[in-house]
Amino acid sequence: MKSSVSKVVAKLTALVSASVLVLGLTACAPEVGSEAWCKQMKEKPSGDWTANEAADYAKHCVF
C-alpha cells in the first residue's frame, strides 16, 4: 500500500513540475507583433525563422 501511494505522489509531483516549466516558458515569450517581439526577431538569424514568423514580421514590423 505504501509503495502505491508513493508512486502516485511521484507521478503527481512530476506532472506539476512539468506544468510549471511549460507555463514558465510560455509566459516569457513576447506577444507577436509587439515591439519586444520585433526586436527579438531582428536578433534571431533569419535562416532560423519559420514561414509564419517571417510573415508576421513583415506584417507587424516592416509595414
C-alpha atoms as a PDB file:
ATOM      1  CA  MET A   1       0.000   0.000   0.000  1.00  0.00           C
ATOM      2  CA  LYS A   2       2.762   2.402   0.890  1.00  0.00           C
ATOM      3  CA  SER A   3       4.590   1.966  -2.411  1.00  0.00           C
ATOM      4  CA  SER A   4       1.458   2.640  -4.490  1.00  0.00           C
ATOM      5  CA  VAL A   5       0.884   5.891  -2.615  1.00  0.00           C
ATOM      6  CA  SER A   6       4.469   6.969  -3.184  1.00  0.00           C
ATOM      7  CA  LYS A   7       4.132   6.145  -6.898  1.00  0.00           C
ATOM      8  CA  VAL A   8       1.044   8.353  -7.136  1.00  0.00           C
ATOM      9  CA  VAL A   9       2.805  11.157  -5.280  1.00  0.00           C
ATOM     10  CA  ALA A  10       5.842  10.840  -7.550  1.00  0.00           C
ATOM     11  CA  LYS A  11       3.654  10.988 -10.682  1.00  0.00           C
ATOM     12  CA  LEU A  12       1.756  13.977  -9.337  1.00  0.00           C
ATOM     13  CA  THR A  13       4.991  15.765  -8.488  1.00  0.00           C
ATOM     14  CA  ALA A  14       6.352  15.122 -11.985  1.00  0.00           C
ATOM     15  CA  LEU A  15       3.135  16.361 -13.596  1.00  0.00           C
ATOM     16  CA  VAL A  16       3.054  19.545 -11.530  1.00  0.00           C
ATOM     17  CA  SER A  17       6.739  20.216 -12.198  1.00  0.00           C
ATOM     18  CA  ALA A  18       6.295  19.746 -15.945  1.00  0.00           C
ATOM     19  CA  SER A  19       3.247  22.030 -15.952  1.00  0.00           C
ATOM     20  CA  VAL A  20       5.079  24.778 -14.095  1.00  0.00           C
ATOM     21  CA  LEU A  21       8.001  24.538 -16.511  1.00  0.00           C
ATOM     22  CA  VAL A  22       5.774  24.778 -19.589  1.00  0.00           C
ATOM     23  CA  LEU A  23       3.823  27.707 -18.174  1.00  0.00           C
ATOM     24  CA  GLY A  24       7.031  29.468 -17.202  1.00  0.00           C
ATOM     25  CA  LEU A  25       8.472  29.150 -20.680  1.00  0.00           C
ATOM     26  CA  THR A  26       5.351  30.333 -22.473  1.00  0.00           C
ATOM     27  CA  ALA A  27       4.912  33.298 -20.163  1.00  0.00           C
ATOM     28  CA  CYS A  28       8.303  34.677 -21.217  1.00  0.00           C
ATOM     29  CA  ALA A  29       7.567  34.935 -24.942  1.00  0.00           C
ATOM     30  CA  PRO A  30       6.581  38.435 -26.094  1.00  0.00           C
ATOM     31  CA  GLU A  31       3.317  38.872 -27.979  1.00  0.00           C
ATOM     32  CA  VAL A  32       3.632  38.529 -31.760  1.00  0.00           C
ATOM     33  CA  GLY A  33       3.785  41.976 -33.340  1.00  0.00           C
ATOM     34  CA  SER A  34       4.866  43.792 -30.181  1.00  0.00           C
ATOM     35  CA  GLU A  35       7.963  45.973 -30.148  1.00  0.00           C
ATOM     36  CA  ALA A  36       9.759  43.393 -27.988  1.00  0.00           C
ATOM     37  CA  TRP A  37       8.848  40.607 -30.437  1.00  0.00           C
ATOM     38  CA  CYS A  38      10.106  42.622 -33.431  1.00  0.00           C
ATOM     39  CA  LYS A  39      13.385  43.289 -31.615  1.00  0.00           C
ATOM     40  CA  GLN A  40      13.729  39.596 -30.710  1.00  0.00           C
ATOM     41  CA  MET A  41      13.154  38.618 -34.352  1.00  0.00           C
ATOM     42  CA  LYS A  42      15.761  41.136 -35.571  1.00  0.00           C
ATOM     43  CA  GLU A  43      18.320  39.469 -33.310  1.00  0.00           C
ATOM     44  CA  LYS A  44      17.368  35.942 -34.424  1.00  0.00           C
ATOM     45  CA  PRO A  45      19.148  34.719 -37.601  1.00  0.00           C
ATOM     46  CA  SER A  46      16.646  34.939 -40.467  1.00  0.00           C
ATOM     47  CA  GLY A  47      17.555  31.397 -41.541  1.00  0.00           C
ATOM     48  CA  ASP A  48      16.030  30.167 -38.271  1.00  0.00           C
ATOM     49  CA  TRP A  49      12.691  31.909 -38.842  1.00  0.00           C
ATOM     50  CA  THR A  50       9.624  29.841 -39.645  1.00  0.00           C
ATOM     51  CA  ALA A  51       7.393  30.845 -42.544  1.00  0.00           C
ATOM     52  CA  ASN A  52       4.800  32.120 -40.057  1.00  0.00           C
ATOM     53  CA  GLU A  53       7.393  34.188 -38.196  1.00  0.00           C
ATOM     54  CA  ALA A  54       8.600  35.743 -41.455  1.00  0.00           C
ATOM     55  CA  ALA A  55       5.042  36.621 -42.491  1.00  0.00           C
ATOM     56  CA  ASP A  56       4.247  38.059 -39.059  1.00  0.00           C
ATOM     57  CA  TYR A  57       7.489  40.056 -39.069  1.00  0.00           C
ATOM     58  CA  ALA A  58       6.670  41.537 -42.477  1.00  0.00           C
ATOM     59  CA  LYS A  59       3.096  42.304 -41.398  1.00  0.00           C
ATOM     60  CA  HIS A  60       3.841  43.836 -37.989  1.00  0.00           C
ATOM     61  CA  CYS A  61       7.420  45.116 -38.076  1.00  0.00           C
ATOM     62  CA  VAL A  62       8.071  46.231 -41.653  1.00  0.00           C
ATOM     63  CA  PHE A  63       4.815  47.705 -42.886  1.00  0.00           C
END
